[in-house]
């Protein structure tokens, strides 16, 4: 028993020392950050407001700045704190007219963050939510995806038909987001099937490109899908057939509903500057077969990855909401 008490005592003695070391380390890092911030602010004011600062005051503040820099170069926390306090007092006494308030600093930080977010959204990447089942099985209702805005070119933000630069064109098999040709306020997502000059034809749900049937093979797997609950609250499970298609160098799955019968589409030549798009849920998709091709200028970007996904909840409880999250879909690449 005596040995155990001695062991526990050693652990108790070490715990305060480790806690003290961690606290001292945290205080040291905090002081360094504060000191670096004060030095930066002081030098900014001395440079921009030199015409309003007497030479004697400028010399005093410069000396205090040098003292803080010397303290930051060492490891003495108390010396660092004293130097920081002296510089802070000097700035309050002589440079208060040019110091930024806490509200102003936070406002500027938030403004910069918002600006960066807007630039990223306008030119780099944008988030979209999948509202319908037209791209099942590739994308499910409730998927949230990131779309590359610079995959094909750079557009003028908040416009419909302006391209600053276009350096690439969509390829067969690409999943793209674009403005709905009939109503530009709505975004659509479909897969590119035909390129400019291609002759597209659909016979009994089989796609022909330039007179050749699209390469595909049936996947022998049970296939059912649902777009979500109907207004009655009942499920909407539908039987389907799963197919693996090859478009260019891309392989992807599509589904068809055998009970609905084949959909035909007469021969159509894709005009220049346009692409022909179709949903992967071939019998349940409003696409170029209905409203025509997509102009290059309407394309917003290329789908990259599913970053979040959640289906319909069975009820409104937190547990039901959590259970509806599709963890398997997280960071799933869009192919």
C-alpha atoms as a PDB file:
ATOM      1  CA  UNK A   1       0.000   0.000   0.000  1.00  0.00           C
ATOM      2  CA  UNK A   2       2.836   2.363   0.846  1.00  0.00           C
ATOM      3  CA  UNK A   3       4.309   1.942  -2.650  1.00  0.00           C
ATOM      4  CA  UNK A   4       1.024   2.912  -4.269  1.00  0.00           C
ATOM      5  CA  UNK A   5       0.679   6.040  -2.158  1.00  0.00           C
ATOM      6  CA  UNK A   6       4.196   7.084  -3.132  1.00  0.00           C
ATOM      7  CA  UNK A   7       3.439   6.588  -6.834  1.00  0.00           C
ATOM      8  CA  UNK A   8       0.254   8.673  -6.613  1.00  0.00           C
ATOM      9  CA  UNK A   9       2.113  11.426  -4.849  1.00  0.00           C
ATOM     10  CA  UNK A  10       4.696  11.601  -7.661  1.00  0.00           C
ATOM     11  CA  UNK A  11       1.907  11.955 -10.231  1.00  0.00           C
ATOM     12  CA  UNK A  12       0.281  14.714  -8.189  1.00  0.00           C
ATOM     13  CA  UNK A  13       3.568  16.562  -8.000  1.00  0.00           C
ATOM     14  CA  UNK A  14       4.078  16.339 -11.755  1.00  0.00           C
ATOM     15  CA  UNK A  15       0.563  17.489 -12.624  1.00  0.00           C
ATOM     16  CA  UNK A  16       0.880  21.041 -11.246  1.00  0.00           C
ATOM     17  CA  UNK A  17       4.274  21.457 -12.899  1.00  0.00           C
ATOM     18  CA  UNK A  18       2.921  20.387 -16.276  1.00  0.00           C
ATOM     19  CA  UNK A  19      -0.102  22.669 -15.829  1.00  0.00           C
ATOM     20  CA  UNK A  20       2.155  25.543 -14.851  1.00  0.00           C
ATOM     21  CA  UNK A  21       4.372  24.985 -17.869  1.00  0.00           C
ATOM     22  CA  UNK A  22       1.332  24.971 -20.172  1.00  0.00           C
ATOM     23  CA  UNK A  23      -0.019  28.182 -18.645  1.00  0.00           C
ATOM     24  CA  UNK A  24       3.362  29.896 -18.900  1.00  0.00           C
ATOM     25  CA  UNK A  25       3.706  28.777 -22.512  1.00  0.00           C
ATOM     26  CA  UNK A  26       0.232  30.096 -23.350  1.00  0.00           C
ATOM     27  CA  UNK A  27       0.966  33.445 -21.660  1.00  0.00           C
ATOM     28  CA  UNK A  28       4.257  33.698 -23.563  1.00  0.00           C
ATOM     29  CA  UNK A  29       2.583  33.096 -26.921  1.00  0.00           C
ATOM     30  CA  UNK A  30      -0.183  35.575 -26.103  1.00  0.00           C
ATOM     31  CA  UNK A  31       2.360  38.229 -25.140  1.00  0.00           C
ATOM     32  CA  UNK A  32       4.298  37.689 -28.365  1.00  0.00           C
ATOM     33  CA  UNK A  33       1.168  38.121 -30.465  1.00  0.00           C
ATOM     34  CA  UNK A  34       0.215  41.285 -28.562  1.00  0.00           C
ATOM     35  CA  UNK A  35       3.724  42.685 -28.884  1.00  0.00           C
ATOM     36  CA  UNK A  36       3.935  42.004 -32.602  1.00  0.00           C
ATOM     37  CA  UNK A  37       0.550  43.655 -33.113  1.00  0.00           C
ATOM     38  CA  UNK A  38       1.594  46.769 -31.163  1.00  0.00           C
ATOM     39  CA  UNK A  39       4.876  47.072 -33.069  1.00  0.00           C
ATOM     40  CA  UNK A  40       3.052  46.823 -36.388  1.00  0.00           C
ATOM     41  CA  UNK A  41       0.438  49.384 -35.353  1.00  0.00           C
ATOM     42  CA  UNK A  42       3.062  51.793 -33.998  1.00  0.00           C
ATOM     43  CA  UNK A  43       5.152  51.693 -37.155  1.00  0.00           C
ATOM     44  CA  UNK A  44       2.035  52.212 -39.279  1.00  0.00           C
ATOM     45  CA  UNK A  45       1.033  55.317 -37.310  1.00  0.00           C
ATOM     46  CA  UNK A  46       4.559  56.747 -37.252  1.00  0.00           C
ATOM     47  CA  UNK A  47       4.781  56.378 -41.012  1.00  0.00           C
ATOM     48  CA  UNK A  48       1.317  57.587 -42.031  1.00  0.00           C
ATOM     49  CA  UNK A  49       0.881  60.369 -39.438  1.00  0.00           C
ATOM     50  CA  UNK A  50       4.448  61.653 -39.260  1.00  0.00           C
ATOM     51  CA  UNK A  51       3.299  65.161 -40.173  1.00  0.00           C
ATOM     52  CA  UNK A  52       1.193  65.318 -36.986  1.00  0.00           C
ATOM     53  CA  UNK A  53       3.682  63.778 -34.548  1.00  0.00           C
ATOM     54  CA  UNK A  54       6.369  65.952 -32.895  1.00  0.00           C
ATOM     55  CA  UNK A  55       9.923  64.692 -33.331  1.00  0.00           C
ATOM     56  CA  UNK A  56      10.377  64.146 -29.597  1.00  0.00           C
ATOM     57  CA  UNK A  57       7.258  61.988 -29.386  1.00  0.00           C
ATOM     58  CA  UNK A  58       8.258  60.025 -32.481  1.00  0.00           C
ATOM     59  CA  UNK A  59      11.666  59.372 -30.938  1.00  0.00           C
ATOM     60  CA  UNK A  60      10.131  58.169 -27.661  1.00  0.00           C
ATOM     61  CA  UNK A  61       7.688  55.830 -29.395  1.00  0.00           C
ATOM     62  CA  UNK A  62      10.444  54.513 -31.669  1.00  0.00           C
ATOM     63  CA  UNK A  63      12.549  53.738 -28.599  1.00  0.00           C
ATOM     64  CA  UNK A  64       9.619  51.906 -26.997  1.00  0.00           C
ATOM     65  CA  UNK A  65       9.102  49.939 -30.211  1.00  0.00           C
ATOM     66  CA  UNK A  66      12.779  48.951 -30.184  1.00  0.00           C
ATOM     67  CA  UNK A  67      12.441  47.819 -26.552  1.00  0.00           C
ATOM     68  CA  UNK A  68       9.498  45.569 -27.460  1.00  0.00           C
ATOM     69  CA  UNK A  69      11.370  44.095 -30.423  1.00  0.00           C
ATOM     70  CA  UNK A  70      14.369  43.357 -28.196  1.00  0.00           C
ATOM     71  CA  UNK A  71      12.105  41.709 -25.629  1.00  0.00           C
ATOM     72  CA  UNK A  72      10.397  39.610 -28.315  1.00  0.00           C
ATOM     73  CA  UNK A  73      13.806  38.352 -29.388  1.00  0.00           C
ATOM     74  CA  UNK A  74      14.371  36.934 -25.894  1.00  0.00           C
ATOM     75  CA  UNK A  75      12.536  34.519 -23.601  1.00  0.00           C
ATOM     76  CA  UNK A  76      11.912  36.735 -20.549  1.00  0.00           C
ATOM     77  CA  UNK A  77       8.129  36.997 -20.211  1.00  0.00           C
ATOM     78  CA  UNK A  78       8.215  39.726 -17.554  1.00  0.00           C
ATOM     79  CA  UNK A  79      10.541  41.902 -19.622  1.00  0.00           C
ATOM     80  CA  UNK A  80       8.258  41.366 -22.594  1.00  0.00           C
ATOM     81  CA  UNK A  81       5.188  42.403 -20.601  1.00  0.00           C
ATOM     82  CA  UNK A  82       6.885  45.541 -19.243  1.00  0.00           C
ATOM     83  CA  UNK A  83       8.033  46.625 -22.705  1.00  0.00           C
ATOM     84  CA  UNK A  84       4.579  46.002 -24.175  1.00  0.00           C
ATOM     85  CA  UNK A  85       2.910  47.969 -21.358  1.00  0.00           C
ATOM     86  CA  UNK A  86       5.314  50.910 -21.850  1.00  0.00           C
ATOM     87  CA  UNK A  87       4.647  51.015 -25.601  1.00  0.00           C
ATOM     88  CA  UNK A  88       0.884  50.693 -25.088  1.00  0.00           C
ATOM     89  CA  UNK A  89       0.917  53.595 -22.596  1.00  0.00           C
ATOM     90  CA  UNK A  90       3.000  55.739 -24.954  1.00  0.00           C
ATOM     91  CA  UNK A  91       0.550  55.118 -27.768  1.00  0.00           C
ATOM     92  CA  UNK A  92      -2.435  55.931 -25.558  1.00  0.00           C
ATOM     93  CA  UNK A  93      -0.784  59.135 -24.374  1.00  0.00           C
ATOM     94  CA  UNK A  94       0.516  60.435 -27.697  1.00  0.00           C
ATOM     95  CA  UNK A  95      -0.963  58.466 -30.629  1.00  0.00           C
ATOM     96  CA  UNK A  96      -4.516  57.824 -29.475  1.00  0.00           C
ATOM     97  CA  UNK A  97      -5.873  59.989 -32.318  1.00  0.00           C
ATOM     98  CA  UNK A  98      -4.626  57.443 -34.852  1.00  0.00           C
ATOM     99  CA  UNK A  99      -5.206  54.161 -33.018  1.00  0.00           C
ATOM    100  CA  UNK A 100      -7.922  51.844 -34.303  1.00  0.00           C
ATOM    101  CA  UNK A 101     -10.758  51.056 -31.950  1.00  0.00           C
ATOM    102  CA  UNK A 102     -11.653  47.438 -31.215  1.00  0.00           C
ATOM    103  CA  UNK A 103     -14.883  47.868 -33.173  1.00  0.00           C
ATOM    104  CA  UNK A 104     -12.964  49.215 -36.161  1.00  0.00           C
ATOM    105  CA  UNK A 105     -10.441  46.358 -36.051  1.00  0.00           C
ATOM    106  CA  UNK A 106     -13.192  43.755 -35.920  1.00  0.00           C
ATOM    107  CA  UNK A 107     -15.118  45.530 -38.679  1.00  0.00           C
ATOM    108  CA  UNK A 108     -12.074  45.602 -40.944  1.00  0.00           C
ATOM    109  CA  UNK A 109     -11.330  41.923 -40.263  1.00  0.00           C
ATOM    110  CA  UNK A 110     -14.930  40.951 -41.021  1.00  0.00           C
ATOM    111  CA  UNK A 111     -14.914  43.130 -44.136  1.00  0.00           C
ATOM    112  CA  UNK A 112     -11.766  41.474 -45.449  1.00  0.00           C
ATOM    113  CA  UNK A 113     -13.204  38.019 -44.735  1.00  0.00           C
ATOM    114  CA  UNK A 114     -16.441  38.872 -46.572  1.00  0.00           C
ATOM    115  CA  UNK A 115     -14.503  40.281 -49.532  1.00  0.00           C
ATOM    116  CA  UNK A 116     -12.353  37.160 -49.777  1.00  0.00           C
ATOM    117  CA  UNK A 117     -15.462  34.964 -49.584  1.00  0.00           C
ATOM    118  CA  UNK A 118     -17.161  36.956 -52.364  1.00  0.00           C
ATOM    119  CA  UNK A 119     -14.081  36.748 -54.588  1.00  0.00           C
ATOM    120  CA  UNK A 120     -13.811  33.003 -54.008  1.00  0.00           C
ATOM    121  CA  UNK A 121     -17.491  32.574 -54.818  1.00  0.00           C
ATOM    122  CA  UNK A 122     -17.277  34.732 -57.931  1.00  0.00           C
ATOM    123  CA  UNK A 123     -14.106  33.302 -59.449  1.00  0.00           C
ATOM    124  CA  UNK A 124     -12.968  30.097 -57.707  1.00  0.00           C
ATOM    125  CA  UNK A 125     -15.577  27.824 -56.138  1.00  0.00           C
ATOM    126  CA  UNK A 126     -19.261  27.997 -55.287  1.00  0.00           C
ATOM    127  CA  UNK A 127     -21.551  25.740 -53.286  1.00  0.00           C
ATOM    128  CA  UNK A 128     -24.786  24.328 -54.702  1.00  0.00           C
ATOM    129  CA  UNK A 129     -27.532  22.105 -53.357  1.00  0.00           C
ATOM    130  CA  UNK A 130     -29.153  19.318 -55.404  1.00  0.00           C
ATOM    131  CA  UNK A 131     -32.943  19.874 -55.269  1.00  0.00           C
ATOM    132  CA  UNK A 132     -34.209  17.071 -57.534  1.00  0.00           C
ATOM    133  CA  UNK A 133     -33.485  13.498 -58.521  1.00  0.00           C
ATOM    134  CA  UNK A 134     -32.625  14.121 -62.183  1.00  0.00           C
ATOM    135  CA  UNK A 135     -28.954  13.211 -61.589  1.00  0.00           C
ATOM    136  CA  UNK A 136     -29.521  10.046 -59.537  1.00  0.00           C
ATOM    137  CA  UNK A 137     -27.449   7.888 -59.018  1.00  0.00           C
ATOM    138  CA  UNK A 138     -24.509  10.315 -59.440  1.00  0.00           C
ATOM    139  CA  UNK A 139     -26.071  12.983 -57.226  1.00  0.00           C
ATOM    140  CA  UNK A 140     -28.823  12.500 -54.680  1.00  0.00           C
ATOM    141  CA  UNK A 141     -31.453  14.937 -53.456  1.00  0.00           C
ATOM    142  CA  UNK A 142     -29.924  16.795 -50.525  1.00  0.00           C
ATOM    143  CA  UNK A 143     -26.326  16.584 -51.741  1.00  0.00           C
ATOM    144  CA  UNK A 144     -24.354  19.803 -51.343  1.00  0.00           C
ATOM    145  CA  UNK A 145     -21.553  20.147 -53.864  1.00  0.00           C
ATOM    146  CA  UNK A 146     -18.640  22.425 -54.648  1.00  0.00           C
ATOM    147  CA  UNK A 147     -18.389  23.680 -58.227  1.00  0.00           C
ATOM    148  CA  UNK A 148     -15.189  24.930 -59.846  1.00  0.00           C
ATOM    149  CA  UNK A 149     -15.912  28.365 -61.329  1.00  0.00           C
ATOM    150  CA  UNK A 150     -12.659  28.502 -63.322  1.00  0.00           C
ATOM    151  CA  UNK A 151     -12.785  25.041 -64.951  1.00  0.00           C
ATOM    152  CA  UNK A 152     -13.637  26.483 -68.371  1.00  0.00           C
ATOM    153  CA  UNK A 153     -12.995  30.204 -68.069  1.00  0.00           C
ATOM    154  CA  UNK A 154     -13.485  33.356 -66.040  1.00  0.00           C
ATOM    155  CA  UNK A 155     -16.854  35.092 -66.075  1.00  0.00           C
ATOM    156  CA  UNK A 156     -17.860  38.601 -65.128  1.00  0.00           C
ATOM    157  CA  UNK A 157     -19.594  38.161 -61.740  1.00  0.00           C
ATOM    158  CA  UNK A 158     -23.355  38.687 -61.515  1.00  0.00           C
ATOM    159  CA  UNK A 159     -23.899  38.714 -65.290  1.00  0.00           C
ATOM    160  CA  UNK A 160     -25.523  36.226 -67.664  1.00  0.00           C
ATOM    161  CA  UNK A 161     -23.553  36.441 -70.875  1.00  0.00           C
ATOM    162  CA  UNK A 162     -20.137  37.952 -70.165  1.00  0.00           C
ATOM    163  CA  UNK A 163     -16.882  35.989 -70.242  1.00  0.00           C
ATOM    164  CA  UNK A 164     -13.633  37.695 -69.355  1.00  0.00           C
ATOM    165  CA  UNK A 165     -11.677  34.702 -70.607  1.00  0.00           C
ATOM    166  CA  UNK A 166     -12.567  31.260 -71.913  1.00  0.00           C
ATOM    167  CA  UNK A 167      -9.638  28.864 -72.088  1.00  0.00           C
ATOM    168  CA  UNK A 168     -11.368  25.453 -72.105  1.00  0.00           C
ATOM    169  CA  UNK A 169     -14.579  23.794 -73.230  1.00  0.00           C
ATOM    170  CA  UNK A 170     -16.688  21.171 -71.480  1.00  0.00           C
ATOM    171  CA  UNK A 171     -15.985  17.604 -72.518  1.00  0.00           C
ATOM    172  CA  UNK A 172     -18.332  14.681 -72.885  1.00  0.00           C
ATOM    173  CA  UNK A 173     -19.078  13.247 -69.483  1.00  0.00           C
ATOM    174  CA  UNK A 174     -18.465  16.462 -67.516  1.00  0.00           C
ATOM    175  CA  UNK A 175     -21.074  17.287 -64.884  1.00  0.00           C
ATOM    176  CA  UNK A 176     -21.719  21.021 -65.163  1.00  0.00           C
ATOM    177  CA  UNK A 177     -23.799  23.688 -63.420  1.00  0.00           C
ATOM    178  CA  UNK A 178     -25.378  26.297 -65.664  1.00  0.00           C
ATOM    179  CA  UNK A 179     -28.119  28.879 -65.798  1.00  0.00           C
ATOM    180  CA  UNK A 180     -31.375  27.337 -66.987  1.00  0.00           C
ATOM    181  CA  UNK A 181     -31.734  28.502 -70.618  1.00  0.00           C
ATOM    182  CA  UNK A 182     -35.436  29.257 -70.127  1.00  0.00           C
ATOM    183  CA  UNK A 183     -35.001  31.192 -66.851  1.00  0.00           C
ATOM    184  CA  UNK A 184     -31.531  32.473 -65.985  1.00  0.00           C
ATOM    185  CA  UNK A 185     -32.464  32.954 -62.324  1.00  0.00           C
ATOM    186  CA  UNK A 186     -32.468  29.151 -61.862  1.00  0.00           C
ATOM    187  CA  UNK A 187     -29.378  26.946 -61.779  1.00  0.00           C
ATOM    188  CA  UNK A 188     -29.405  23.472 -63.328  1.00  0.00           C
ATOM    189  CA  UNK A 189     -26.932  20.608 -63.137  1.00  0.00           C
ATOM    190  CA  UNK A 190     -26.622  17.967 -65.868  1.00  0.00           C
ATOM    191  CA  UNK A 191     -24.050  15.849 -67.674  1.00  0.00           C
ATOM    192  CA  UNK A 192     -22.566  16.901 -71.018  1.00  0.00           C
ATOM    193  CA  UNK A 193     -23.437  14.331 -73.680  1.00  0.00           C
ATOM    194  CA  UNK A 194     -22.983  16.212 -76.956  1.00  0.00           C
ATOM    195  CA  UNK A 195     -20.420  18.780 -78.102  1.00  0.00           C
ATOM    196  CA  UNK A 196     -20.750  21.404 -80.869  1.00  0.00           C
ATOM    197  CA  UNK A 197     -21.355  19.671 -84.208  1.00  0.00           C
ATOM    198  CA  UNK A 198     -22.358  16.321 -82.671  1.00  0.00           C
ATOM    199  CA  UNK A 199     -25.479  14.599 -83.974  1.00  0.00           C
ATOM    200  CA  UNK A 200     -27.533  13.371 -81.000  1.00  0.00           C
ATOM    201  CA  UNK A 201     -30.339  10.843 -81.228  1.00  0.00           C
ATOM    202  CA  UNK A 202     -32.163   8.749 -78.614  1.00  0.00           C
ATOM    203  CA  UNK A 203     -33.954   5.506 -79.484  1.00  0.00           C
ATOM    204  CA  UNK A 204     -35.714   3.593 -76.709  1.00  0.00           C
ATOM    205  CA  UNK A 205     -33.552   5.321 -74.077  1.00  0.00           C
ATOM    206  CA  UNK A 206     -30.342   4.397 -75.923  1.00  0.00           C
ATOM    207  CA  UNK A 207     -28.226   7.431 -76.820  1.00  0.00           C
ATOM    208  CA  UNK A 208     -26.543   7.683 -80.232  1.00  0.00           C
ATOM    209  CA  UNK A 209     -23.723  10.152 -80.877  1.00  0.00           C
ATOM    210  CA  UNK A 210     -22.829  10.732 -84.536  1.00  0.00           C
ATOM    211  CA  UNK A 211     -24.719   7.582 -85.493  1.00  0.00           C
ATOM    212  CA  UNK A 212     -22.953   5.316 -82.952  1.00  0.00           C
ATOM    213  CA  UNK A 213     -24.657   3.988 -79.812  1.00  0.00           C
ATOM    214  CA  UNK A 214     -23.196   5.171 -76.547  1.00  0.00           C
ATOM    215  CA  UNK A 215     -21.057   2.441 -74.989  1.00  0.00           C
ATOM    216  CA  UNK A 216     -22.861   0.987 -71.981  1.00  0.00           C
ATOM    217  CA  UNK A 217     -23.511  -2.257 -70.141  1.00  0.00           C
ATOM    218  CA  UNK A 218     -26.203  -3.328 -67.687  1.00  0.00           C
ATOM    219  CA  UNK A 219     -25.161  -3.562 -64.039  1.00  0.00           C
ATOM    220  CA  UNK A 220     -26.757  -6.683 -62.497  1.00  0.00           C
ATOM    221  CA  UNK A 221     -27.705  -5.097 -59.205  1.00  0.00           C
ATOM    222  CA  UNK A 222     -31.012  -4.361 -57.503  1.00  0.00           C
ATOM    223  CA  UNK A 223     -31.897  -0.770 -58.319  1.00  0.00           C
ATOM    224  CA  UNK A 224     -34.400   1.392 -56.469  1.00  0.00           C
ATOM    225  CA  UNK A 225     -34.459   5.105 -55.893  1.00  0.00           C
ATOM    226  CA  UNK A 226     -36.580   7.764 -54.251  1.00  0.00           C
ATOM    227  CA  UNK A 227     -36.701  11.525 -54.690  1.00  0.00           C
ATOM    228  CA  UNK A 228     -38.179  11.962 -51.215  1.00  0.00           C
ATOM    229  CA  UNK A 229     -41.558  11.705 -49.508  1.00  0.00           C
ATOM    230  CA  UNK A 230     -44.683  12.613 -51.406  1.00  0.00           C
ATOM    231  CA  UNK A 231     -47.196  15.148 -50.024  1.00  0.00           C
ATOM    232  CA  UNK A 232     -49.158  12.218 -48.582  1.00  0.00           C
ATOM    233  CA  UNK A 233     -46.127  11.363 -46.432  1.00  0.00           C
ATOM    234  CA  UNK A 234     -45.680   7.986 -48.093  1.00  0.00           C
ATOM    235  CA  UNK A 235     -42.407   6.916 -49.629  1.00  0.00           C
ATOM    236  CA  UNK A 236     -41.757   7.108 -53.346  1.00  0.00           C
ATOM    237  CA  UNK A 237     -39.586   4.071 -54.037  1.00  0.00           C
ATOM    238  CA  UNK A 238     -39.239   3.286 -57.727  1.00  0.00           C
ATOM    239  CA  UNK A 239     -37.750   0.241 -59.431  1.00  0.00           C
ATOM    240  CA  UNK A 240     -35.038   0.982 -61.963  1.00  0.00           C
ATOM    241  CA  UNK A 241     -32.321  -0.496 -64.133  1.00  0.00           C
ATOM    242  CA  UNK A 242     -28.703   0.462 -63.519  1.00  0.00           C
ATOM    243  CA  UNK A 243     -26.363   1.006 -66.474  1.00  0.00           C
ATOM    244  CA  UNK A 244     -22.663   1.813 -66.693  1.00  0.00           C
ATOM    245  CA  UNK A 245     -21.967   4.258 -69.515  1.00  0.00           C
ATOM    246  CA  UNK A 246     -18.723   5.447 -71.059  1.00  0.00           C
ATOM    247  CA  UNK A 247     -18.539   9.001 -72.381  1.00  0.00           C
ATOM    248  CA  UNK A 248     -15.085   9.776 -73.726  1.00  0.00           C
ATOM    249  CA  UNK A 249     -12.703   8.765 -70.940  1.00  0.00           C
ATOM    250  CA  UNK A 250     -15.379   8.986 -68.222  1.00  0.00           C
ATOM    251  CA  UNK A 251     -17.401   6.078 -66.868  1.00  0.00           C
ATOM    252  CA  UNK A 252     -20.517   6.771 -64.861  1.00  0.00           C
ATOM    253  CA  UNK A 253     -23.772   5.130 -63.813  1.00  0.00           C
ATOM    254  CA  UNK A 254     -27.214   6.008 -65.166  1.00  0.00           C
ATOM    255  CA  UNK A 255     -30.649   4.632 -64.361  1.00  0.00           C
ATOM    256  CA  UNK A 256     -33.790   3.937 -66.361  1.00  0.00           C
ATOM    257  CA  UNK A 257     -37.314   3.022 -65.288  1.00  0.00           C
ATOM    258  CA  UNK A 258     -38.383  -0.045 -67.278  1.00  0.00           C
ATOM    259  CA  UNK A 259     -42.072   0.510 -66.584  1.00  0.00           C
ATOM    260  CA  UNK A 260     -42.145   3.943 -68.213  1.00  0.00           C
ATOM    261  CA  UNK A 261     -41.120   2.790 -71.680  1.00  0.00           C
ATOM    262  CA  UNK A 262     -38.339   4.185 -73.821  1.00  0.00           C
ATOM    263  CA  UNK A 263     -38.037   7.874 -74.645  1.00  0.00           C
ATOM    264  CA  UNK A 264     -37.116   8.778 -78.192  1.00  0.00           C
ATOM    265  CA  UNK A 265     -35.435  11.969 -79.366  1.00  0.00           C
ATOM    266  CA  UNK A 266     -35.102  12.800 -83.045  1.00  0.00           C
ATOM    267  CA  UNK A 267     -31.727  13.493 -84.660  1.00  0.00           C
ATOM    268  CA  UNK A 268     -30.391  16.846 -83.529  1.00  0.00           C
ATOM    269  CA  UNK A 269     -27.195  18.707 -84.450  1.00  0.00           C
ATOM    270  CA  UNK A 270     -25.655  20.565 -81.509  1.00  0.00           C
ATOM    271  CA  UNK A 271     -25.036  24.174 -82.621  1.00  0.00           C
ATOM    272  CA  UNK A 272     -21.678  25.933 -82.288  1.00  0.00           C
ATOM    273  CA  UNK A 273     -20.950  27.372 -78.856  1.00  0.00           C
ATOM    274  CA  UNK A 274     -23.376  24.985 -77.157  1.00  0.00           C
ATOM    275  CA  UNK A 275     -23.442  21.596 -75.417  1.00  0.00           C
ATOM    276  CA  UNK A 276     -26.199  18.999 -75.221  1.00  0.00           C
ATOM    277  CA  UNK A 277     -26.898  17.940 -71.621  1.00  0.00           C
ATOM    278  CA  UNK A 278     -28.840  15.064 -70.081  1.00  0.00           C
ATOM    279  CA  UNK A 279     -29.599  13.883 -66.564  1.00  0.00           C
ATOM    280  CA  UNK A 280     -28.270  10.534 -65.379  1.00  0.00           C
ATOM    281  CA  UNK A 281     -31.818   9.640 -64.324  1.00  0.00           C
ATOM    282  CA  UNK A 282     -32.741   9.296 -67.991  1.00  0.00           C
ATOM    283  CA  UNK A 283     -36.496   8.741 -67.652  1.00  0.00           C
ATOM    284  CA  UNK A 284     -36.997  11.412 -65.010  1.00  0.00           C
ATOM    285  CA  UNK A 285     -34.992  14.390 -66.204  1.00  0.00           C
ATOM    286  CA  UNK A 286     -35.909  17.668 -67.868  1.00  0.00           C
ATOM    287  CA  UNK A 287     -32.846  18.359 -70.008  1.00  0.00           C
ATOM    288  CA  UNK A 288     -31.702  19.330 -73.500  1.00  0.00           C
ATOM    289  CA  UNK A 289     -34.229  16.905 -74.936  1.00  0.00           C
ATOM    290  CA  UNK A 290     -36.909  19.267 -73.594  1.00  0.00           C
ATOM    291  CA  UNK A 291     -35.502  22.807 -73.596  1.00  0.00           C
ATOM    292  CA  UNK A 292     -32.572  22.606 -76.016  1.00  0.00           C
ATOM    293  CA  UNK A 293     -28.792  22.973 -75.784  1.00  0.00           C
ATOM    294  CA  UNK A 294     -26.819  25.032 -73.243  1.00  0.00           C
ATOM    295  CA  UNK A 295     -24.900  28.091 -74.395  1.00  0.00           C
ATOM    296  CA  UNK A 296     -21.255  28.179 -73.242  1.00  0.00           C
ATOM    297  CA  UNK A 297     -21.913  31.606 -71.709  1.00  0.00           C
ATOM    298  CA  UNK A 298     -24.514  30.126 -69.358  1.00  0.00           C
ATOM    299  CA  UNK A 299     -22.125  27.561 -67.863  1.00  0.00           C
ATOM    300  CA  UNK A 300     -21.135  28.452 -64.301  1.00  0.00           C
ATOM    301  CA  UNK A 301     -18.651  25.658 -63.641  1.00  0.00           C
ATOM    302  CA  UNK A 302     -17.841  21.988 -63.237  1.00  0.00           C
ATOM    303  CA  UNK A 303     -19.033  19.873 -60.300  1.00  0.00           C
ATOM    304  CA  UNK A 304     -16.144  18.718 -58.122  1.00  0.00           C
ATOM    305  CA  UNK A 305     -17.149  17.047 -54.874  1.00  0.00           C
ATOM    306  CA  UNK A 306     -20.009  16.383 -52.479  1.00  0.00           C
ATOM    307  CA  UNK A 307     -19.076  18.103 -49.226  1.00  0.00           C
ATOM    308  CA  UNK A 308     -22.321  17.555 -47.293  1.00  0.00           C
ATOM    309  CA  UNK A 309     -25.398  15.401 -47.761  1.00  0.00           C
ATOM    310  CA  UNK A 310     -28.606  14.840 -45.833  1.00  0.00           C
ATOM    311  CA  UNK A 311     -31.831  13.140 -46.821  1.00  0.00           C
ATOM    312  CA  UNK A 312     -35.368  13.751 -45.626  1.00  0.00           C
ATOM    313  CA  UNK A 313     -35.918  13.411 -41.876  1.00  0.00           C
ATOM    314  CA  UNK A 314     -38.603  11.135 -40.467  1.00  0.00           C
ATOM    315  CA  UNK A 315     -40.040  13.743 -38.138  1.00  0.00           C
ATOM    316  CA  UNK A 316     -38.551  16.933 -36.715  1.00  0.00           C
ATOM    317  CA  UNK A 317     -36.591  15.667 -33.734  1.00  0.00           C
ATOM    318  CA  UNK A 318     -32.813  16.305 -33.484  1.00  0.00           C
ATOM    319  CA  UNK A 319     -32.236  12.534 -33.536  1.00  0.00           C
ATOM    320  CA  UNK A 320     -34.198  12.140 -36.782  1.00  0.00           C
ATOM    321  CA  UNK A 321     -32.365  15.080 -38.321  1.00  0.00           C
ATOM    322  CA  UNK A 322     -29.002  13.588 -37.372  1.00  0.00           C
ATOM    323  CA  UNK A 323     -29.938  10.125 -38.639  1.00  0.00           C
ATOM    324  CA  UNK A 324     -30.785  11.601 -42.066  1.00  0.00           C
ATOM    325  CA  UNK A 325     -27.160  12.675 -42.623  1.00  0.00           C
ATOM    326  CA  UNK A 326     -25.523  10.578 -45.348  1.00  0.00           C
ATOM    327  CA  UNK A 327     -21.999  10.170 -43.979  1.00  0.00           C
ATOM    328  CA  UNK A 328     -21.029   7.917 -46.898  1.00  0.00           C
ATOM    329  CA  UNK A 329     -21.538  10.822 -49.303  1.00  0.00           C
ATOM    330  CA  UNK A 330     -19.106  13.216 -47.596  1.00  0.00           C
ATOM    331  CA  UNK A 331     -16.171  14.200 -49.844  1.00  0.00           C
ATOM    332  CA  UNK A 332     -17.484  11.958 -52.594  1.00  0.00           C
ATOM    333  CA  UNK A 333     -16.040  13.102 -55.945  1.00  0.00           C
ATOM    334  CA  UNK A 334     -18.523  13.864 -58.716  1.00  0.00           C
ATOM    335  CA  UNK A 335     -17.665  11.656 -61.691  1.00  0.00           C
END
